[in-house]
C-alpha cells in the first residue's frame, strides 16, 4: 500500500463528506434558509476565504479533513439579536427554526440523501462504462472469531464449498450466506483454496449463521451491461448494501459476531486497498462507503442527522418543538461521546489492533 493509494483514499472519503454537506446546503438554500458558511474542506478555524455566493461564504478550514455547513438558526449560538451588525432577529424568516417543518426535515435528511444519490450515480456510471461486474469467488480478509482461528482459517483463503455446497461462480456472497444460514449452530466441513491447494477444515457456524471471518471479493469478471440493467442496479444496489450493513450492525450490537469496528484510519486503509486493485474496485468501494456514510448519519443517535430528525418527528407528533436548550444539550453530549468513541476505535482497532 503506497503513498498514492493512501492519498487517493483520503481524497475519496473527503469528497464523500463534502457531498454529504452539499446535500444539506442545497436543501437549505432551496427552502429559503440562510447558509452563511460552507467549509468545502476542513473543520475548525477558517484559514482561507475562497468566495461568497448568494450570501454564503465558501472557505477552507484548519483541519484538512471533511467539511461543514453552518445554517443560521440551527445552533444555540444563533441567538436572536437586533439584526444590525449582530445575530438576526428572532422573526427572521430565513432562520432554520422559523422555516416549515417539512423544510427542516428535508434539510437535515439532505446529507444522507446526497450520499445515496452519489452511490447510485457511481454504480450506474461504472456499469454503463465498464460493464457488469460479476464476483466469482470470495476470499477471507481477516479471521475475527476465536472459533474460526482455532479451526485453521487464514486471511487469504478462498472459499470453495461450505458443508458440500459450492460457493464459487455467480453471486458467491449470497451462496456463502445461504450455506451458513442452513447450518446455524453446527460444525461443518469447509473447503478452502490456499497456495493452489484445497484444504478441508471443520469450522463452527454461530447461532447467527456466521463463520466469524471478514470476506472480500476474489475473482471478478466483467461483461457488458445494458442501460436498463445499469439503471436498475443503480437504484437497488444502495439499498442492498444498506440491508447488509444493518444486518452486520445488528449482529455486532447483539454480540452474535465478534468483530472490530473500524474508525477513520481503518476506512482509509480499506479504500486504499481497493485503490490498489484498480479504478473500478475503487469506485465500487466508494459507492459502498457513500451508502455507509448516509446510513450512519441516519441512525437515531444524538449529534447525527438521525438524532435531529427524531426531535423533528417529535415536533410533528406533539405539534410543538422540543425545548431547544435541552435538545442542544443532548446533541452536545452525543457529539462528545461520538468523538470519544471514534478516538477509542481509531487507537484501539485501527492503530494498535
Foldseek 3Di string as FASTA:
>chain_A
DDPVLLVVLQVLQQVLLLLLQVQLVVLLVVQQAAWQEKASFDDDAFDAFDDDDPNHTYTHHDGGHGIHIHTQQQAPVLDADPCPPDRHHPCPCNHLVNGDLVSNLSSLLRSLVSLLLLLLVLLLVCCQPFNDKFFFWKFFQFAFDPQLVVQPDGGGWIWQDKQNHGQGGGPSVVSLQVRLQVAAQAFTWTWTQDPNDIDTTTAGAHNVSHRRTDMDGDDMDGDHDDSVRSNVCSVPVLVVLVVVVVVVVVCVVVVRHGDADAAPLVSSVVLSVLVVVHDSSNSNVSSSVSSVVSVVLLPCAALGSVVVVVQSVVCVVVVHGDDSVVSNVRNVVRVVVVVVVNVCSCVVPVPVD
